[in-house]
Amino acid sequence: MLEEDDLGPADEKLLDMLNEGRVTAPFVADETGYSLQYVRDRLGRLVEHGNARKVYEGLYELVDDPREGGSSPE
C-alpha cells in the first residue's frame, strides 16, 4: 500500500474521485485535464499497490485511501 507521503497532486485528485465512486480513466482525464495515458499510469500504480482495484476492463474502485483520515469503502 502507498503511504500519504508517496502521493502526488494527480494521486490526490484520483483518490478524491475514487472516494465518490467508481471511475474510468477517460472520465478522470476529462475531469482533471491530465492526459489519458498519465491517468492510466497513475491508476495502475494505485492498483499495483493495493489502494484501488480494477473492477472490470477500464473500471476502477477504491480499496484503501492512504491519506490521513482517508476512507475505505465497506
N, C-alpha and C. Protein backbone atom coordinates (compact mmCIF):
# COMPACT_ATOMS: atom_id res chain seq x y z
N MET A 1 0.84 -1.19 0.00
CA MET A 1 0.00 0.00 0.00
C MET A 1 0.88 1.25 0.00
N LEU A 2 0.42 2.23 -0.73
CA LEU A 2 1.11 3.51 -0.74
C LEU A 2 0.83 4.24 0.57
N GLU A 3 1.76 5.06 0.96
CA GLU A 3 1.60 5.92 2.13
C GLU A 3 1.26 7.33 1.65
N GLU A 4 0.77 8.15 2.54
CA GLU A 4 0.39 9.52 2.18
C GLU A 4 1.56 10.29 1.56
N ASP A 5 2.77 10.07 2.05
CA ASP A 5 3.95 10.77 1.54
C ASP A 5 4.31 10.35 0.11
N ASP A 6 3.79 9.23 -0.36
CA ASP A 6 4.09 8.73 -1.70
C ASP A 6 3.20 9.37 -2.77
N LEU A 7 2.22 10.15 -2.36
CA LEU A 7 1.22 10.67 -3.28
C LEU A 7 1.60 12.02 -3.86
N GLY A 8 1.29 12.19 -5.14
CA GLY A 8 1.46 13.47 -5.80
C GLY A 8 0.10 14.11 -6.02
N PRO A 9 0.08 15.31 -6.62
CA PRO A 9 -1.19 16.01 -6.85
C PRO A 9 -2.18 15.20 -7.68
N ALA A 10 -1.69 14.49 -8.68
CA ALA A 10 -2.59 13.68 -9.52
C ALA A 10 -3.20 12.55 -8.70
N ASP A 11 -2.40 11.93 -7.85
CA ASP A 11 -2.91 10.85 -7.00
C ASP A 11 -3.99 11.38 -6.06
N GLU A 12 -3.78 12.57 -5.53
CA GLU A 12 -4.78 13.19 -4.64
C GLU A 12 -6.11 13.36 -5.37
N LYS A 13 -6.05 13.88 -6.59
CA LYS A 13 -7.29 14.08 -7.37
C LYS A 13 -7.95 12.74 -7.68
N LEU A 14 -7.14 11.76 -8.06
CA LEU A 14 -7.69 10.43 -8.34
C LEU A 14 -8.38 9.85 -7.11
N LEU A 15 -7.74 9.96 -5.97
CA LEU A 15 -8.33 9.43 -4.74
C LEU A 15 -9.61 10.17 -4.38
N ASP A 16 -9.65 11.48 -4.59
CA ASP A 16 -10.88 12.24 -4.35
C ASP A 16 -12.02 11.70 -5.21
N MET A 17 -11.72 11.45 -6.48
CA MET A 17 -12.74 10.94 -7.40
C MET A 17 -13.14 9.51 -7.05
N LEU A 18 -12.17 8.68 -6.68
CA LEU A 18 -12.47 7.30 -6.29
C LEU A 18 -13.29 7.26 -5.00
N ASN A 19 -13.10 8.23 -4.13
CA ASN A 19 -13.91 8.30 -2.90
C ASN A 19 -15.37 8.57 -3.22
N GLU A 20 -15.63 9.19 -4.37
CA GLU A 20 -17.01 9.48 -4.78
C GLU A 20 -17.66 8.29 -5.47
N GLY A 21 -16.85 7.34 -5.95
CA GLY A 21 -17.40 6.17 -6.63
C GLY A 21 -16.45 5.63 -7.68
N ARG A 22 -16.90 4.66 -8.43
CA ARG A 22 -16.08 4.04 -9.46
C ARG A 22 -15.80 5.04 -10.59
N VAL A 23 -14.63 4.87 -11.22
CA VAL A 23 -14.24 5.78 -12.30
C VAL A 23 -13.61 5.00 -13.45
N THR A 24 -13.59 5.64 -14.61
CA THR A 24 -12.83 5.15 -15.75
C THR A 24 -11.73 6.16 -16.03
N ALA A 25 -10.67 5.71 -16.67
CA ALA A 25 -9.56 6.61 -16.98
C ALA A 25 -10.00 7.77 -17.87
N PRO A 26 -10.80 7.53 -18.93
CA PRO A 26 -11.22 8.67 -19.76
C PRO A 26 -12.02 9.72 -18.97
N PHE A 27 -12.86 9.27 -18.05
CA PHE A 27 -13.64 10.20 -17.23
C PHE A 27 -12.71 11.06 -16.38
N VAL A 28 -11.74 10.42 -15.72
CA VAL A 28 -10.80 11.15 -14.87
C VAL A 28 -9.99 12.13 -15.71
N ALA A 29 -9.54 11.70 -16.88
CA ALA A 29 -8.76 12.57 -17.77
C ALA A 29 -9.59 13.80 -18.16
N ASP A 30 -10.84 13.59 -18.51
CA ASP A 30 -11.72 14.71 -18.89
C ASP A 30 -11.94 15.67 -17.73
N GLU A 31 -12.15 15.13 -16.55
CA GLU A 31 -12.45 15.95 -15.38
C GLU A 31 -11.23 16.70 -14.83
N THR A 32 -10.05 16.12 -14.98
CA THR A 32 -8.85 16.71 -14.37
C THR A 32 -7.96 17.47 -15.34
N GLY A 33 -8.07 17.16 -16.63
CA GLY A 33 -7.19 17.78 -17.61
C GLY A 33 -5.87 17.05 -17.80
N TYR A 34 -5.64 15.98 -17.03
CA TYR A 34 -4.45 15.16 -17.23
C TYR A 34 -4.64 14.32 -18.49
N SER A 35 -3.53 13.92 -19.12
CA SER A 35 -3.64 13.09 -20.32
C SER A 35 -4.17 11.71 -19.94
N LEU A 36 -4.82 11.07 -20.90
CA LEU A 36 -5.39 9.75 -20.66
C LEU A 36 -4.30 8.76 -20.26
N GLN A 37 -3.16 8.79 -20.93
CA GLN A 37 -2.08 7.86 -20.60
C GLN A 37 -1.56 8.10 -19.18
N TYR A 38 -1.43 9.36 -18.80
CA TYR A 38 -0.95 9.67 -17.45
C TYR A 38 -1.93 9.15 -16.40
N VAL A 39 -3.22 9.33 -16.63
CA VAL A 39 -4.24 8.84 -15.70
C VAL A 39 -4.18 7.31 -15.61
N ARG A 40 -4.04 6.66 -16.76
CA ARG A 40 -3.93 5.19 -16.75
C ARG A 40 -2.72 4.74 -15.94
N ASP A 41 -1.60 5.44 -16.11
CA ASP A 41 -0.39 5.10 -15.35
C ASP A 41 -0.61 5.26 -13.85
N ARG A 42 -1.25 6.37 -13.45
CA ARG A 42 -1.48 6.63 -12.03
C ARG A 42 -2.47 5.62 -11.44
N LEU A 43 -3.52 5.30 -12.18
CA LEU A 43 -4.47 4.29 -11.72
C LEU A 43 -3.78 2.94 -11.59
N GLY A 44 -2.93 2.61 -12.55
CA GLY A 44 -2.17 1.37 -12.49
C GLY A 44 -1.30 1.30 -11.26
N ARG A 45 -0.71 2.42 -10.90
CA ARG A 45 0.14 2.47 -9.69
C ARG A 45 -0.70 2.25 -8.44
N LEU A 46 -1.88 2.86 -8.38
CA LEU A 46 -2.76 2.66 -7.23
C LEU A 46 -3.21 1.20 -7.13
N VAL A 47 -3.48 0.58 -8.27
CA VAL A 47 -3.86 -0.84 -8.29
C VAL A 47 -2.68 -1.71 -7.86
N GLU A 48 -1.52 -1.43 -8.41
CA GLU A 48 -0.31 -2.20 -8.09
C GLU A 48 -0.02 -2.22 -6.59
N HIS A 49 -0.30 -1.11 -5.94
CA HIS A 49 -0.01 -1.00 -4.50
C HIS A 49 -1.21 -1.35 -3.61
N GLY A 50 -2.31 -1.76 -4.23
CA GLY A 50 -3.45 -2.22 -3.45
C GLY A 50 -4.39 -1.15 -2.94
N ASN A 51 -4.23 0.08 -3.42
CA ASN A 51 -5.12 1.15 -2.98
C ASN A 51 -6.40 1.23 -3.80
N ALA A 52 -6.36 0.68 -5.00
CA ALA A 52 -7.54 0.63 -5.87
C ALA A 52 -7.55 -0.74 -6.53
N ARG A 53 -8.70 -1.07 -7.11
CA ARG A 53 -8.75 -2.34 -7.85
C ARG A 53 -9.52 -2.14 -9.14
N LYS A 54 -9.17 -2.96 -10.11
CA LYS A 54 -9.85 -2.94 -11.40
C LYS A 54 -11.07 -3.84 -11.26
N VAL A 55 -12.25 -3.25 -11.36
CA VAL A 55 -13.50 -3.98 -11.21
C VAL A 55 -13.82 -4.73 -12.49
N TYR A 56 -13.59 -4.07 -13.60
CA TYR A 56 -13.87 -4.58 -14.93
C TYR A 56 -12.92 -3.86 -15.86
N GLU A 57 -12.79 -4.29 -17.06
CA GLU A 57 -11.87 -3.64 -18.00
C GLU A 57 -12.13 -2.14 -18.05
N GLY A 58 -11.17 -1.37 -17.52
CA GLY A 58 -11.25 0.08 -17.56
C GLY A 58 -12.05 0.73 -16.44
N LEU A 59 -12.58 -0.05 -15.52
CA LEU A 59 -13.39 0.48 -14.42
C LEU A 59 -12.68 0.21 -13.09
N TYR A 60 -12.49 1.26 -12.31
CA TYR A 60 -11.72 1.18 -11.07
C TYR A 60 -12.54 1.62 -9.87
N GLU A 61 -12.21 1.04 -8.70
CA GLU A 61 -12.83 1.47 -7.46
C GLU A 61 -11.78 1.53 -6.36
N LEU A 62 -12.08 2.30 -5.35
CA LEU A 62 -11.18 2.49 -4.22
C LEU A 62 -11.18 1.27 -3.30
N VAL A 63 -10.00 0.88 -2.85
CA VAL A 63 -9.87 -0.18 -1.85
C VAL A 63 -9.47 0.44 -0.52
N ASP A 64 -8.44 1.31 -0.54
CA ASP A 64 -7.96 1.93 0.68
C ASP A 64 -7.35 3.29 0.36
N ASP A 65 -7.83 4.33 1.01
CA ASP A 65 -7.29 5.67 0.82
C ASP A 65 -6.13 5.87 1.79
N PRO A 66 -4.90 6.04 1.27
CA PRO A 66 -3.73 6.14 2.15
C PRO A 66 -3.59 7.47 2.88
N ARG A 67 -4.42 8.43 2.56
CA ARG A 67 -4.30 9.73 3.20
C ARG A 67 -4.83 9.66 4.63
N GLU A 68 -4.27 10.51 5.47
CA GLU A 68 -4.73 10.58 6.86
C GLU A 68 -6.21 10.92 6.87
N GLY A 69 -6.97 10.13 7.56
CA GLY A 69 -8.41 10.35 7.60
C GLY A 69 -9.11 9.84 6.36
N GLY A 70 -8.35 9.19 5.46
CA GLY A 70 -8.95 8.64 4.25
C GLY A 70 -9.89 7.50 4.58
N SER A 71 -10.74 7.19 3.64
CA SER A 71 -11.74 6.17 3.91
C SER A 71 -11.46 4.91 3.11
N SER A 72 -12.07 3.86 3.56
CA SER A 72 -12.07 2.59 2.85
C SER A 72 -13.52 2.18 2.70
N PRO A 73 -13.99 2.00 1.47
CA PRO A 73 -15.39 1.62 1.28
C PRO A 73 -15.70 0.29 1.94
N GLU A 74 -16.82 0.21 2.56
CA GLU A 74 -17.23 -1.04 3.22
C GLU A 74 -18.53 -1.49 2.63
